[in-house]
Amino acid sequence: QVQLVESGGGLVQPGGSLRLSCAASGIIFSAYTMGWYRQAPGNQREMVATITNGDHQEYAESVKGRFTISRDNAKKTVYLQMNSLKPEDTAVYYCNGRNLRAFWGQGTQVTVSS
């Protein structure tokens, strides 16, 4: 069975940092482009960052320079390092793995607030 399990979300003050992790099982991890997406109340789900097996990365303009995506194929885990967090980063963050089909994690809440 395919599972993507996120961890690392929580409450953080503006300017703070969090690192999200997503551990995959049930897939040939290296064959998948991995990514992080987020959805805030009243908004559509948006791409935050993606990373291919060849380490090619793409970022939403709103997070460039602040967020970094990485992957560890040996651990079958993808990470999202989030620095200089802003209130507008508040959302549920979802892990995604995409090949010919796509799989989603359950999501983890990130709240940036004073």
C-alpha atoms as a PDB file:
ATOM      1  CA  GLN A   1       0.000   0.000   0.000  1.00  0.00           C
ATOM      2  CA  VAL A   2       1.144   3.517  -0.797  1.00  0.00           C
ATOM      3  CA  GLN A   3       1.606   5.881   2.106  1.00  0.00           C
ATOM      4  CA  LEU A   4       2.939   9.414   2.334  1.00  0.00           C
ATOM      5  CA  VAL A   5       3.176  10.564   5.937  1.00  0.00           C
ATOM      6  CA  GLU A   6       3.930  14.186   6.771  1.00  0.00           C
ATOM      7  CA  SER A   7       5.356  15.481  10.011  1.00  0.00           C
ATOM      8  CA  GLY A   8       6.866  18.662  11.399  1.00  0.00           C
ATOM      9  CA  GLY A   9       3.965  21.072  11.218  1.00  0.00           C
ATOM     10  CA  GLY A  10       2.957  23.288  14.084  1.00  0.00           C
ATOM     11  CA  LEU A  11       2.629  26.814  15.393  1.00  0.00           C
ATOM     12  CA  VAL A  12       5.486  29.227  14.808  1.00  0.00           C
ATOM     13  CA  GLN A  13       5.968  32.982  15.141  1.00  0.00           C
ATOM     14  CA  PRO A  14       6.543  35.194  12.107  1.00  0.00           C
ATOM     15  CA  GLY A  15      10.179  35.044  11.112  1.00  0.00           C
ATOM     16  CA  GLY A  16      10.578  31.570  12.523  1.00  0.00           C
ATOM     17  CA  SER A  17      11.426  28.281  10.865  1.00  0.00           C
ATOM     18  CA  LEU A  18       9.981  24.807  10.484  1.00  0.00           C
ATOM     19  CA  ARG A  19      11.110  21.700   8.672  1.00  0.00           C
ATOM     20  CA  LEU A  20       8.482  19.414   7.225  1.00  0.00           C
ATOM     21  CA  SER A  21       9.187  15.780   6.455  1.00  0.00           C
ATOM     22  CA  CYS A  22       7.323  13.307   4.279  1.00  0.00           C
ATOM     23  CA  ALA A  23       8.149   9.624   4.506  1.00  0.00           C
ATOM     24  CA  ALA A  24       7.036   7.445   1.604  1.00  0.00           C
ATOM     25  CA  SER A  25       6.345   3.747   1.423  1.00  0.00           C
ATOM     26  CA  GLY A  26       4.866   1.448  -1.178  1.00  0.00           C
ATOM     27  CA  ILE A  27       6.439   3.208  -4.176  1.00  0.00           C
ATOM     28  CA  ILE A  28       9.702   3.121  -6.055  1.00  0.00           C
ATOM     29  CA  PHE A  29      10.671   6.458  -4.581  1.00  0.00           C
ATOM     30  CA  SER A  30      13.361   7.334  -7.114  1.00  0.00           C
ATOM     31  CA  ALA A  31      10.819   7.079  -9.940  1.00  0.00           C
ATOM     32  CA  TYR A  32       8.696   9.875  -8.511  1.00  0.00           C
ATOM     33  CA  THR A  33       8.826  13.609  -8.607  1.00  0.00           C
ATOM     34  CA  MET A  34       8.056  14.746  -5.085  1.00  0.00           C
ATOM     35  CA  GLY A  35       6.467  17.964  -4.005  1.00  0.00           C
ATOM     36  CA  TRP A  36       4.844  20.060  -1.359  1.00  0.00           C
ATOM     37  CA  TYR A  37       1.509  21.767  -1.869  1.00  0.00           C
ATOM     38  CA  ARG A  38      -0.535  23.890   0.475  1.00  0.00           C
ATOM     39  CA  GLN A  39      -4.103  24.982   0.910  1.00  0.00           C
ATOM     40  CA  ALA A  40      -5.262  27.876   3.049  1.00  0.00           C
ATOM     41  CA  PRO A  41      -8.904  28.479   3.984  1.00  0.00           C
ATOM     42  CA  GLY A  42     -10.775  29.974   1.044  1.00  0.00           C
ATOM     43  CA  ASN A  43      -7.958  29.266  -1.399  1.00  0.00           C
ATOM     44  CA  GLN A  44      -7.195  26.590  -3.946  1.00  0.00           C
ATOM     45  CA  ARG A  45      -4.398  24.146  -3.365  1.00  0.00           C
ATOM     46  CA  GLU A  46      -1.166  25.555  -4.741  1.00  0.00           C
ATOM     47  CA  MET A  47       2.243  24.177  -5.550  1.00  0.00           C
ATOM     48  CA  VAL A  48       4.915  25.236  -3.099  1.00  0.00           C
ATOM     49  CA  ALA A  49       7.937  23.281  -4.296  1.00  0.00           C
ATOM     50  CA  THR A  50       8.784  20.200  -6.345  1.00  0.00           C
ATOM     51  CA  ILE A  51      11.918  18.138  -6.771  1.00  0.00           C
ATOM     52  CA  THR A  52      12.809  15.475  -9.323  1.00  0.00           C
ATOM     53  CA  ASN A  53      15.045  12.478  -8.803  1.00  0.00           C
ATOM     54  CA  GLY A  54      17.738  14.444 -10.593  1.00  0.00           C
ATOM     55  CA  ASP A  55      17.404  17.178  -7.952  1.00  0.00           C
ATOM     56  CA  HIS A  56      15.773  19.728 -10.238  1.00  0.00           C
ATOM     57  CA  GLN A  57      13.738  22.060  -8.037  1.00  0.00           C
ATOM     58  CA  GLU A  58      10.876  24.429  -8.704  1.00  0.00           C
ATOM     59  CA  TYR A  59       9.354  26.911  -6.277  1.00  0.00           C
ATOM     60  CA  ALA A  60       6.368  29.143  -6.075  1.00  0.00           C
ATOM     61  CA  GLU A  61       7.396  32.784  -6.420  1.00  0.00           C
ATOM     62  CA  SER A  62       6.019  33.530  -2.977  1.00  0.00           C
ATOM     63  CA  VAL A  63       8.481  31.175  -1.270  1.00  0.00           C
ATOM     64  CA  LYS A  64      11.641  31.578  -3.360  1.00  0.00           C
ATOM     65  CA  GLY A  65      14.613  32.392  -1.191  1.00  0.00           C
ATOM     66  CA  ARG A  66      12.832  31.268   1.961  1.00  0.00           C
ATOM     67  CA  PHE A  67      11.936  27.604   1.404  1.00  0.00           C
ATOM     68  CA  THR A  68      14.165  24.740   0.306  1.00  0.00           C
ATOM     69  CA  ILE A  69      13.001  21.315  -0.849  1.00  0.00           C
ATOM     70  CA  SER A  70      15.281  18.298  -0.678  1.00  0.00           C
ATOM     71  CA  ARG A  71      15.045  14.531  -0.868  1.00  0.00           C
ATOM     72  CA  ASP A  72      16.837  11.560   0.599  1.00  0.00           C
ATOM     73  CA  ASN A  73      16.228   8.545  -1.604  1.00  0.00           C
ATOM     74  CA  ALA A  74      17.846   6.153   0.861  1.00  0.00           C
ATOM     75  CA  LYS A  75      15.305   7.201   3.481  1.00  0.00           C
ATOM     76  CA  LYS A  76      12.504   7.633   0.928  1.00  0.00           C
ATOM     77  CA  THR A  77      11.839  11.022   2.477  1.00  0.00           C
ATOM     78  CA  VAL A  78      11.301  14.509   1.110  1.00  0.00           C
ATOM     79  CA  TYR A  79      11.809  17.626   3.221  1.00  0.00           C
ATOM     80  CA  LEU A  80      10.713  21.224   3.136  1.00  0.00           C
ATOM     81  CA  GLN A  81      12.845  23.658   5.101  1.00  0.00           C
ATOM     82  CA  MET A  82      10.820  26.807   5.719  1.00  0.00           C
ATOM     83  CA  ASN A  83      12.593  29.932   6.931  1.00  0.00           C
ATOM     84  CA  SER A  84      11.457  33.512   7.485  1.00  0.00           C
ATOM     85  CA  LEU A  85       7.897  32.342   7.821  1.00  0.00           C
ATOM     86  CA  LYS A  86       5.067  34.796   7.258  1.00  0.00           C
ATOM     87  CA  PRO A  87       1.431  34.707   8.367  1.00  0.00           C
ATOM     88  CA  GLU A  88       0.428  34.167   4.739  1.00  0.00           C
ATOM     89  CA  ASP A  89       2.301  30.852   4.825  1.00  0.00           C
ATOM     90  CA  THR A  90      -0.391  29.514   7.143  1.00  0.00           C
ATOM     91  CA  ALA A  91      -2.002  26.509   5.462  1.00  0.00           C
ATOM     92  CA  VAL A  92      -2.317  22.765   5.459  1.00  0.00           C
ATOM     93  CA  TYR A  93       0.760  21.405   3.718  1.00  0.00           C
ATOM     94  CA  TYR A  94       0.430  18.241   1.664  1.00  0.00           C
ATOM     95  CA  CYS A  95       3.103  15.894   0.411  1.00  0.00           C
ATOM     96  CA  ASN A  96       2.760  14.695  -3.170  1.00  0.00           C
ATOM     97  CA  GLY A  97       4.431  11.992  -5.205  1.00  0.00           C
ATOM     98  CA  ARG A  98       3.845  11.955  -8.961  1.00  0.00           C
ATOM     99  CA  ASN A  99       4.727   9.525 -11.705  1.00  0.00           C
ATOM    100  CA  LEU A 100       2.090   8.336 -14.139  1.00  0.00           C
ATOM    101  CA  ARG A 101      -0.223   8.597 -11.154  1.00  0.00           C
ATOM    102  CA  ALA A 102      -0.164  10.816  -8.097  1.00  0.00           C
ATOM    103  CA  PHE A 103      -0.355  10.123  -4.393  1.00  0.00           C
ATOM    104  CA  TRP A 104      -1.088  12.480  -1.529  1.00  0.00           C
ATOM    105  CA  GLY A 105      -0.403  12.572   2.168  1.00  0.00           C
ATOM    106  CA  GLN A 106      -2.998  13.539   4.741  1.00  0.00           C
ATOM    107  CA  GLY A 107      -1.519  16.973   5.322  1.00  0.00           C
ATOM    108  CA  THR A 108       0.054  18.783   8.237  1.00  0.00           C
ATOM    109  CA  GLN A 109      -1.041  22.134   9.625  1.00  0.00           C
ATOM    110  CA  VAL A 110       1.383  25.050   9.625  1.00  0.00           C
ATOM    111  CA  THR A 111       0.259  28.144  11.489  1.00  0.00           C
ATOM    112  CA  VAL A 112       2.354  31.317  11.513  1.00  0.00           C
ATOM    113  CA  SER A 113       1.067  33.727  14.117  1.00  0.00           C
ATOM    114  CA  SER A 114       2.100  35.933  17.004  1.00  0.00           C
END
